[in-house]
Protein backbone atom coordinates (compact mmCIF):
# COMPACT_ATOMS: atom_id res chain seq x y z
CA MET A 1 0.74 -10.16 -63.68
CA LYS A 2 -2.90 -10.31 -62.64
CA THR A 3 -1.94 -12.30 -59.58
CA ASN A 4 0.77 -9.80 -58.65
CA SER A 5 -1.60 -6.86 -59.17
CA LYS A 6 -4.28 -8.50 -57.05
CA TYR A 7 -1.80 -9.27 -54.29
CA THR A 8 -0.42 -5.72 -54.38
CA THR A 9 -3.94 -4.36 -53.94
CA ILE A 10 -4.45 -6.64 -50.93
CA LEU A 11 -1.15 -5.52 -49.41
CA ILE A 12 -2.06 -1.86 -49.83
CA PHE A 13 -5.43 -2.49 -48.18
CA VAL A 14 -3.80 -4.28 -45.26
CA PHE A 15 -1.29 -1.46 -44.89
CA LEU A 16 -4.00 1.19 -44.81
CA LEU A 17 -6.03 -0.82 -42.30
CA SER A 18 -3.00 -1.29 -40.06
CA PHE A 19 -2.08 2.39 -40.27
CA VAL A 20 -5.60 3.51 -39.35
CA SER A 21 -5.72 1.08 -36.42
CA TYR A 22 -2.34 2.23 -35.17
CA THR A 23 -3.33 5.89 -35.45
CA ARG A 24 -6.48 5.23 -33.45
CA ALA A 25 -4.43 3.49 -30.78
CA GLN A 26 -2.20 6.54 -30.47
CA GLU A 27 -5.17 8.91 -30.34
CA SER A 28 -6.79 6.78 -27.65
CA MET A 29 -3.77 7.14 -25.39
CA GLU A 30 -3.44 10.86 -26.10
CA GLN A 31 -6.91 11.45 -24.66
CA ALA A 32 -5.30 11.42 -21.22
CA THR A 33 -3.53 14.73 -21.48
CA ALA A 34 -2.87 15.39 -17.79
CA ASN A 35 0.46 14.23 -16.39
CA LEU A 36 0.73 12.72 -12.93
CA SER A 37 4.08 13.02 -11.17
CA PHE A 38 5.23 10.58 -8.51
CA GLN A 39 5.06 13.12 -5.69
CA GLU A 40 1.62 14.38 -6.74
CA TYR A 41 0.41 10.80 -6.76
CA LEU A 42 1.72 10.05 -3.25
CA ASN A 43 0.26 13.30 -1.92
CA GLN A 44 -3.13 12.38 -3.32
CA VAL A 45 -2.88 8.90 -1.81
CA GLY A 46 -2.15 10.42 1.60
CA LYS A 47 -5.14 12.75 1.31
CA SER A 48 -7.81 10.64 -0.36
CA ASN A 49 -7.07 6.93 -0.09
CA LEU A 50 -10.29 5.52 1.35
CA ASN A 51 -8.67 2.71 3.33
CA TYR A 52 -6.31 5.20 4.94
CA LEU A 53 -9.16 7.56 5.76
CA ALA A 54 -11.01 4.66 7.37
CA GLU A 55 -7.93 3.79 9.46
CA LYS A 56 -7.78 7.38 10.72
CA TYR A 57 -11.07 6.82 12.52
CA ASN A 58 -9.31 4.34 14.80
CA VAL A 59 -7.33 7.25 16.21
CA SER A 60 -10.48 9.33 16.69
CA ILE A 61 -12.18 6.38 18.38
CA ALA A 62 -9.20 5.93 20.73
CA ASP A 63 -9.21 9.65 21.60
CA ALA A 64 -12.92 9.45 22.33
CA GLU A 65 -12.27 6.46 24.55
CA VAL A 66 -9.86 8.58 26.63
CA ILE A 67 -12.67 11.07 27.23
CA ALA A 68 -15.06 8.25 28.07
CA GLN A 69 -12.73 6.87 30.75
CA LYS A 70 -12.78 10.19 32.60
CA VAL A 71 -16.40 9.71 33.62
CA LEU A 72 -17.23 9.41 37.32
CA PRO A 73 -19.65 6.86 38.78
CA ASP A 74 -23.27 7.97 38.61
CA PRO A 75 -25.23 8.56 41.83
CA GLU A 76 -28.30 6.46 42.48
CA VAL A 77 -31.68 7.76 43.68
CA THR A 78 -34.22 5.45 45.32
CA PHE A 79 -37.84 6.03 46.28
CA GLU A 80 -40.14 3.74 48.23
CA GLY A 81 -43.74 4.33 49.33
CA ALA A 82 -46.39 2.42 51.33
CA ASN A 83 -49.79 3.12 52.93
CA GLU A 84 -48.38 4.86 55.95
CA ASN A 85 -44.78 5.81 55.07
CA PHE A 86 -42.41 6.70 52.25
CA SER A 87 -38.64 7.05 51.94
CA MET A 88 -36.20 8.72 49.54
CA GLY A 89 -32.51 7.87 49.31
CA LEU A 90 -29.33 8.87 47.47
CA GLY A 91 -26.46 6.44 46.94
CA TYR A 92 -22.98 6.88 45.49
CA THR A 93 -20.05 4.53 44.94
CA LEU A 94 -16.74 6.06 46.02
CA GLU A 95 -13.92 4.49 44.03
CA LEU A 96 -10.67 4.03 45.93
CA GLY A 97 -7.24 3.20 44.58
CA ASN A 98 -7.38 5.86 41.82
CA LYS A 99 -9.20 3.52 39.45
CA ARG A 100 -10.33 6.41 37.27
CA GLY A 101 -6.76 7.67 36.83
CA ALA A 102 -5.58 4.17 35.94
CA ARG A 103 -8.31 3.82 33.32
CA VAL A 104 -7.44 7.20 31.80
CA ARG A 105 -3.71 6.38 31.63
CA LEU A 106 -4.44 3.07 29.95
CA ALA A 107 -6.75 4.71 27.40
CA LYS A 108 -4.16 7.41 26.64
CA SER A 109 -1.41 4.85 26.05
CA GLN A 110 -3.76 2.86 23.80
CA ALA A 111 -4.56 6.04 21.87
CA ASP A 112 -0.83 6.69 21.38
CA LEU A 113 -0.48 3.11 20.16
CA GLU A 114 -3.26 3.68 17.62
CA LYS A 115 -1.46 6.75 16.31
CA LEU A 116 1.70 4.71 15.82
CA ALA A 117 -0.35 2.01 14.12
CA LEU A 118 -1.79 4.63 11.77
CA GLU A 119 1.68 5.93 10.92
CA TYR A 120 2.89 2.39 10.27
CA TYR A 121 -0.16 1.76 8.07
CA TYR A 122 0.64 4.87 6.04
CA GLN A 123 4.25 3.81 5.53
CA GLU A 124 3.07 0.42 4.30
CA LEU A 125 0.47 2.11 2.07
CA ARG A 126 3.06 4.54 0.69
CA ALA A 127 5.43 1.72 -0.25
CA GLU A 128 2.60 -0.29 -1.82
CA ALA A 129 1.35 2.73 -3.74
CA ALA A 130 4.88 3.53 -4.93
CA ASP A 131 5.30 0.00 -6.25
CA LEU A 132 2.01 0.30 -8.15
CA TYR A 133 3.23 3.55 -9.69
CA LEU A 134 6.40 1.77 -10.79
CA GLU A 135 4.27 -1.02 -12.24
CA ALA A 136 2.30 1.55 -14.24
CA MET A 137 5.55 3.12 -15.44
CA GLN A 138 6.71 -0.30 -16.60
CA GLN A 139 3.45 -0.85 -18.49
CA ARG A 140 3.86 2.58 -20.09
CA GLU A 141 7.37 1.77 -21.26
CA LEU A 142 6.28 -1.65 -22.50
CA LEU A 143 3.62 0.10 -24.55
CA GLU A 144 6.32 2.25 -26.14
CA VAL A 145 8.33 -0.90 -26.89
CA LYS A 146 5.32 -2.48 -28.57
CA LYS A 147 4.61 0.67 -30.57
CA SER A 148 8.19 1.07 -31.75
CA SER A 149 8.40 -2.62 -32.66
CA TYR A 150 5.21 -2.34 -34.66
CA ALA A 151 6.39 0.81 -36.41
CA TYR A 152 9.73 -0.85 -37.22
CA MET A 153 8.07 -3.96 -38.64
CA LEU A 154 5.47 -1.91 -40.52
CA GLU A 155 8.24 0.03 -42.23
CA LEU A 156 9.98 -3.21 -43.11
CA SER A 157 6.78 -4.75 -44.46
CA ASN A 158 6.14 -1.69 -46.61
CA SER A 159 9.66 -2.01 -47.97
CA ASP A 160 9.04 -5.71 -48.62
CA SER A 161 5.89 -4.84 -50.58
CA ILE A 162 7.96 -2.68 -52.90
CA ARG A 163 10.70 -5.29 -53.18
CA PHE A 164 8.12 -7.95 -53.99
CA ARG A 165 6.71 -5.85 -56.85
CA LEU A 166 10.28 -5.42 -58.10
CA GLY A 167 10.81 -9.17 -57.89
CA GLU A 168 13.60 -8.99 -55.31
CA ILE A 169 11.86 -11.22 -52.73
CA THR A 170 9.24 -13.92 -52.78
CA GLU A 171 5.57 -13.51 -52.03
CA ILE A 172 5.99 -15.61 -48.86
CA ASP A 173 8.56 -13.20 -47.43
CA ALA A 174 6.36 -10.18 -48.14
CA ARG A 175 3.34 -11.89 -46.67
CA GLN A 176 5.30 -12.97 -43.57
CA SER A 177 6.45 -9.44 -42.76
CA LYS A 178 2.87 -8.16 -43.14
CA LEU A 179 1.55 -10.82 -40.82
CA GLU A 180 4.25 -10.02 -38.27
CA ALA A 181 3.30 -6.34 -38.39
CA ALA A 182 -0.36 -7.21 -37.82
CA THR A 183 0.60 -9.46 -34.88
CA LEU A 184 2.63 -6.67 -33.31
CA LEU A 185 -0.31 -4.30 -33.70
CA ASN A 186 -2.47 -6.70 -31.69
CA GLU A 187 0.22 -6.67 -29.00
CA VAL A 188 -0.01 -2.87 -29.00
CA PHE A 189 -3.73 -3.08 -28.31
CA GLU A 190 -3.21 -5.60 -25.49
CA GLN A 191 -0.46 -3.53 -23.91
CA GLU A 192 -2.57 -0.39 -24.13
CA ALA A 193 -5.25 -2.18 -22.10
CA ALA A 194 -2.63 -3.29 -19.55
CA TYR A 195 -1.38 0.29 -19.17
CA LYS A 196 -4.88 1.67 -18.72
CA SER A 197 -5.63 -1.02 -16.14
CA ALA A 198 -2.53 0.02 -14.19
CA LEU A 199 -3.67 3.66 -14.33
CA ALA A 200 -7.12 2.63 -13.09
CA THR A 201 -5.47 0.99 -10.07
CA LEU A 202 -3.61 4.23 -9.33
CA ASN A 203 -6.91 6.10 -9.45
CA GLN A 204 -8.36 3.67 -6.91
CA TYR A 205 -5.47 4.33 -4.54
CA MET A 206 -6.03 8.07 -4.97
CA GLY A 207 -9.72 7.66 -4.14
CA GLN A 208 -10.78 8.61 -7.67
CA THR A 209 -12.98 6.97 -10.27
CA THR A 210 -11.69 5.60 -13.57
CA LEU A 211 -13.69 8.05 -15.68
CA SER A 212 -10.50 10.00 -16.43
CA LEU A 213 -7.00 8.55 -16.59
CA MET A 214 -3.77 10.53 -16.42
CA ASN A 215 -0.46 9.82 -18.08
CA LEU A 216 2.56 9.36 -15.84
CA SER A 217 5.48 11.77 -15.90
CA GLY A 218 7.78 9.62 -13.76
CA LYS A 219 11.13 8.47 -15.14
CA TRP A 220 13.63 5.77 -14.20
CA THR A 221 15.98 8.17 -12.47
CA ASN A 222 17.31 8.74 -8.95
CA ILE A 223 17.37 5.03 -8.19
CA ASP A 224 21.00 4.20 -7.52
CA ARG A 225 22.22 4.64 -3.94
CA ASP A 226 25.35 3.77 -1.98
CA TYR A 227 24.43 2.11 1.30
CA LEU A 228 26.31 0.28 4.03
CA LEU A 229 24.42 -2.47 5.81
CA PRO A 230 25.52 -1.63 9.40
CA GLU A 231 24.43 1.98 8.93
CA LEU A 232 21.07 0.89 7.51
CA ILE A 233 20.45 -1.42 10.47
CA ALA A 234 21.27 1.36 12.93
CA THR A 235 18.94 3.69 11.05
CA GLY A 236 16.15 1.12 11.05
CA LEU A 237 16.42 0.51 14.80
CA THR A 238 16.08 4.27 15.26
CA ASN A 239 13.30 5.03 12.78
CA ARG A 240 11.05 1.99 12.46
CA VAL A 241 7.55 2.82 13.66
CA ASP A 242 6.71 -0.78 14.54
CA LEU A 243 9.61 -0.77 17.02
CA TYR A 244 8.15 2.36 18.63
CA ALA A 245 4.83 0.52 18.73
CA ALA A 246 6.49 -2.48 20.41
CA ARG A 247 7.87 -0.18 23.09
CA LYS A 248 4.49 1.46 23.49
CA ASN A 249 2.98 -2.01 23.89
CA ILE A 250 5.13 -2.48 26.98
CA GLU A 251 3.74 0.76 28.37
CA VAL A 252 0.18 -0.33 27.58
CA ALA A 253 0.74 -3.65 29.34
CA GLY A 254 2.17 -1.81 32.35
CA ASN A 255 -0.86 0.46 32.55
CA GLN A 256 -3.11 -2.55 32.21
CA TYR A 257 -1.32 -4.12 35.19
CA LYS A 258 -1.77 -0.94 37.23
CA LEU A 259 -5.47 -0.90 36.40
CA VAL A 260 -5.87 -4.51 37.52
CA LYS A 261 -4.16 -3.64 40.80
CA ALA A 262 -6.34 -0.57 41.26
CA GLU A 263 -9.52 -2.54 40.60
CA ARG A 264 -8.60 -4.89 43.45
CA LYS A 265 -8.99 -1.98 45.85
CA MET A 266 -12.35 -1.88 47.55
CA ASP A 267 -15.02 0.69 46.74
CA LEU A 268 -17.13 2.36 49.42
CA GLY A 269 -20.88 2.60 49.03
CA LEU A 270 -22.22 5.86 50.56
CA SER A 271 -25.93 6.38 51.09
CA VAL A 272 -28.29 8.86 52.75
CA SER A 273 -32.08 8.51 53.02
CA TYR A 274 -35.08 10.36 54.42
CA GLU A 275 -38.18 8.56 55.75
CA ARG A 276 -41.56 9.82 57.07
CA ASP A 277 -44.46 8.04 58.72
CA TRP A 278 -48.05 9.13 57.92
CA HIS A 279 -50.82 8.95 60.46
CA GLY A 280 -53.79 11.16 59.73
CA PHE A 281 -53.70 14.41 57.81
CA LEU A 282 -50.30 15.64 58.99
CA PRO A 283 -47.14 13.51 59.37
CA PRO A 284 -46.11 13.39 63.02
CA ALA A 285 -42.51 12.21 62.52
CA GLY A 286 -39.61 11.89 60.05
CA SER A 287 -36.08 10.47 60.15
CA VAL A 288 -32.82 10.79 58.22
CA THR A 289 -30.41 7.90 57.95
CA ALA A 290 -26.91 7.61 56.49
CA GLY A 291 -24.81 4.55 55.80
CA VAL A 292 -21.59 3.17 54.43
CA SER A 293 -21.25 -0.23 52.77
CA ILE A 294 -17.87 -1.96 52.74
CA PRO A 295 -17.46 -4.98 50.46
CA LEU A 296 -15.70 -8.02 51.81
CA GLN A 297 -13.39 -8.82 48.90
CA PHE A 298 -12.64 -12.46 49.49
CA SER A 299 -12.14 -12.71 45.71
CA ASN A 300 -8.87 -10.80 46.05
CA ARG A 301 -7.30 -13.98 47.32
CA ASN A 302 -7.45 -15.14 43.72
CA LYS A 303 -4.52 -13.37 41.99
CA GLY A 304 -5.05 -14.89 38.55
CA ALA A 305 -5.90 -11.58 36.84
CA LEU A 306 -2.87 -9.90 38.44
CA LYS A 307 -0.54 -12.68 37.30
CA ALA A 308 -2.01 -12.58 33.79
CA ALA A 309 -1.38 -8.83 33.55
CA ASN A 310 2.19 -9.30 34.79
CA TYR A 311 2.82 -12.04 32.24
CA SER A 312 1.51 -9.70 29.55
CA ILE A 313 4.27 -7.22 30.45
CA GLU A 314 6.91 -9.92 30.10
CA GLN A 315 5.36 -11.03 26.84
CA THR A 316 5.53 -7.54 25.31
CA LYS A 317 9.18 -7.28 26.30
CA VAL A 318 9.96 -10.47 24.42
CA GLN A 319 7.89 -9.25 21.48
CA LYS A 320 9.95 -6.04 21.41
CA GLN A 321 13.16 -8.07 21.24
CA ASN A 322 11.68 -10.15 18.44
CA THR A 323 10.68 -6.98 16.58
CA GLU A 324 14.26 -5.68 16.81
CA LEU A 325 15.60 -8.95 15.42
CA GLN A 326 12.96 -9.02 12.70
CA ILE A 327 13.84 -5.46 11.66
CA GLN A 328 17.51 -6.34 11.34
CA THR A 329 16.64 -9.39 9.25
CA GLU A 330 14.27 -7.44 6.98
CA ILE A 331 16.85 -4.73 6.39
CA ALA A 332 19.57 -7.26 5.59
CA GLN A 333 17.33 -9.15 3.18
CA ALA A 334 16.16 -5.94 1.47
CA PHE A 335 19.78 -4.77 1.19
CA PHE A 336 20.90 -8.02 -0.45
CA LEU A 337 18.04 -7.86 -2.95
CA PHE A 338 18.83 -4.21 -3.68
CA GLU A 339 22.47 -4.99 -4.42
CA ALA A 340 21.50 -7.91 -6.67
CA ALA A 341 19.00 -5.75 -8.56
CA ARG A 342 21.66 -3.06 -8.99
CA LYS A 343 24.06 -5.56 -10.58
CA LYS A 344 21.38 -6.91 -12.91
CA ALA A 345 20.42 -3.41 -14.04
CA GLU A 346 24.07 -2.51 -14.59
CA GLN A 347 24.52 -5.55 -16.82
CA TYR A 348 21.79 -4.30 -19.15
CA ARG A 349 23.18 -0.78 -19.13
CA THR A 350 26.65 -1.95 -20.16
CA GLY A 351 25.83 -3.44 -23.54
CA LEU A 352 23.01 -5.99 -23.73
CA LEU A 353 20.50 -3.57 -25.22
CA GLU A 354 23.01 -2.13 -27.64
CA ASP A 355 24.18 -5.58 -28.74
CA ALA A 356 20.64 -6.78 -29.37
CA LYS A 357 19.91 -3.69 -31.48
CA LYS A 358 23.07 -4.21 -33.51
CA VAL A 359 22.13 -7.81 -34.18
CA LEU A 360 18.68 -6.73 -35.41
CA ASP A 361 20.08 -3.99 -37.65
CA GLY A 362 22.65 -6.41 -39.04
CA MET A 363 20.01 -9.02 -39.85
CA VAL A 364 17.84 -6.43 -41.59
CA TYR A 365 20.82 -5.23 -43.60
CA LYS A 366 21.66 -8.80 -44.68
CA TYR A 367 18.01 -9.47 -45.49
CA GLN A 368 17.75 -6.38 -47.67
CA ARG A 369 20.90 -7.52 -49.55
CA GLY A 370 19.43 -10.98 -50.05
CA GLU A 371 21.95 -12.69 -47.77
CA SER A 372 19.31 -14.00 -45.28
CA ASP A 373 15.60 -14.70 -45.20
CA ILE A 374 12.75 -13.05 -43.31
CA THR A 375 12.81 -15.71 -40.57
CA ASP A 376 16.22 -14.54 -39.36
CA VAL A 377 14.94 -10.97 -39.18
CA LEU A 378 11.86 -11.98 -37.20
CA ILE A 379 13.97 -13.97 -34.74
CA ALA A 380 16.31 -11.00 -34.25
CA GLN A 381 13.31 -8.67 -33.84
CA ARG A 382 11.74 -10.86 -31.19
CA THR A 383 15.05 -11.27 -29.38
CA TYR A 384 15.51 -7.50 -29.31
CA ASN A 385 11.98 -7.05 -27.96
CA GLU A 386 12.59 -9.67 -25.26
CA VAL A 387 15.81 -7.95 -24.21
CA ARG A 388 14.06 -4.59 -23.98
CA GLU A 389 11.21 -6.10 -21.96
CA LEU A 390 13.65 -7.84 -19.64
CA TYR A 391 15.51 -4.57 -19.22
CA LEU A 392 12.30 -2.81 -18.19
CA GLU A 393 11.46 -5.63 -15.81
CA THR A 394 14.94 -5.43 -14.29
CA THR A 395 14.77 -1.65 -13.98
CA LYS A 396 11.38 -1.86 -12.32
CA GLY A 397 12.72 -4.53 -9.98
CA PHE A 398 15.67 -2.28 -9.12
CA ALA A 399 13.34 0.61 -8.29
CA SER A 400 11.03 -1.67 -6.29
CA SER A 401 13.99 -2.99 -4.30
CA LEU A 402 14.87 0.59 -3.38
CA VAL A 403 11.30 1.15 -2.17
CA ALA A 404 11.43 -2.05 -0.11
CA LEU A 405 14.82 -1.17 1.38
CA GLN A 406 13.79 2.31 2.45
CA LYS A 407 10.53 0.97 3.89
CA ALA A 408 12.53 -1.59 5.87
CA CYS A 409 14.76 1.19 7.24
CA GLY A 410 11.93 3.60 8.01
CA ILE A 411 13.32 6.31 5.70
CA TRP A 412 11.97 7.91 2.54
CA ASP A 413 13.71 10.15 -0.01
CA ILE A 414 12.42 8.53 -3.19
CA ASP A 415 11.30 10.39 -6.30
CA PHE A 416 11.00 9.25 -9.89
């Protein structure tokens, strides 16, 4: 009796310690009272993501380069003096072949290309940020699984404590259920850290510090879609920004070719000068001269730069064709993965979770009637937890496959 009384006291102490620890874990998560929806998160990423803000400067730099290419050649002033004469001159290079216009057109097309690159970067960032939000949702749901498993096992261990005092089960069974509850509580703590880490990553993408974390209000809804592969491919070839960029690359290469041709045109050097001779106190004579310099462009016989620019045009055309083929391949691959993920998620929705819960409840019922031991219950509990975790992983994979498919098609109507 003394041994039983001592063990009962220990069990009560362990129970109180576990309950206090679990309560603190719940209070720790409840400190983040603000809820963050999926759309609010994406809006904040678009406004404050530091990498995206840095990429925006590329567009500003390209626009500034357009202004810079509008500059005209600077005139040149010369002055020479000696003991008995001095001269002043003004020189200017007159560009022929509309070189300035060619430079401006090239800079404008490059600026347009930078804008397309920025839009493509945002689409990639949006998809990446969405997947991180889904990852955080998965960690949140896993935390709920761990908490519910702990609460379930804690209730069972408390029941076992009573049954042990009544002599219905052995001390080993009661001790085993207590140890399992304590193990599950440790898993709660670990999962809480994983969830907070995922929230910290979301804060980084929103350009915020980790001093305050927000709970997520997103749910696993609005995932299923009915798509046809030919329609998706047609949509992708119409909407993909990188295909627009490939077409713009052809334009850039064409403008580069025109600039090379324009630069092969000769430039005229215009000059005018004034000279005076000094003899005595007053200058007796002065003269004004004007001149034109014409370069002899023997280097134009070398057409290497012109051929290189022409080959660049042909290269960008081939790259555009490759981009079209790559888009079709990416869409097809994303579609196949989406369909596979849909089937896997459907399999869990049509009975696996329910069956695993029934097995667990049945094992607990048999254990409480003395028809099985605690080991069978623990195996059923762990199996049920594994099924729930696999279900969450499959659901997250299904949602991620939707994100990847819409990114591949250049469309976006996702909300969770």
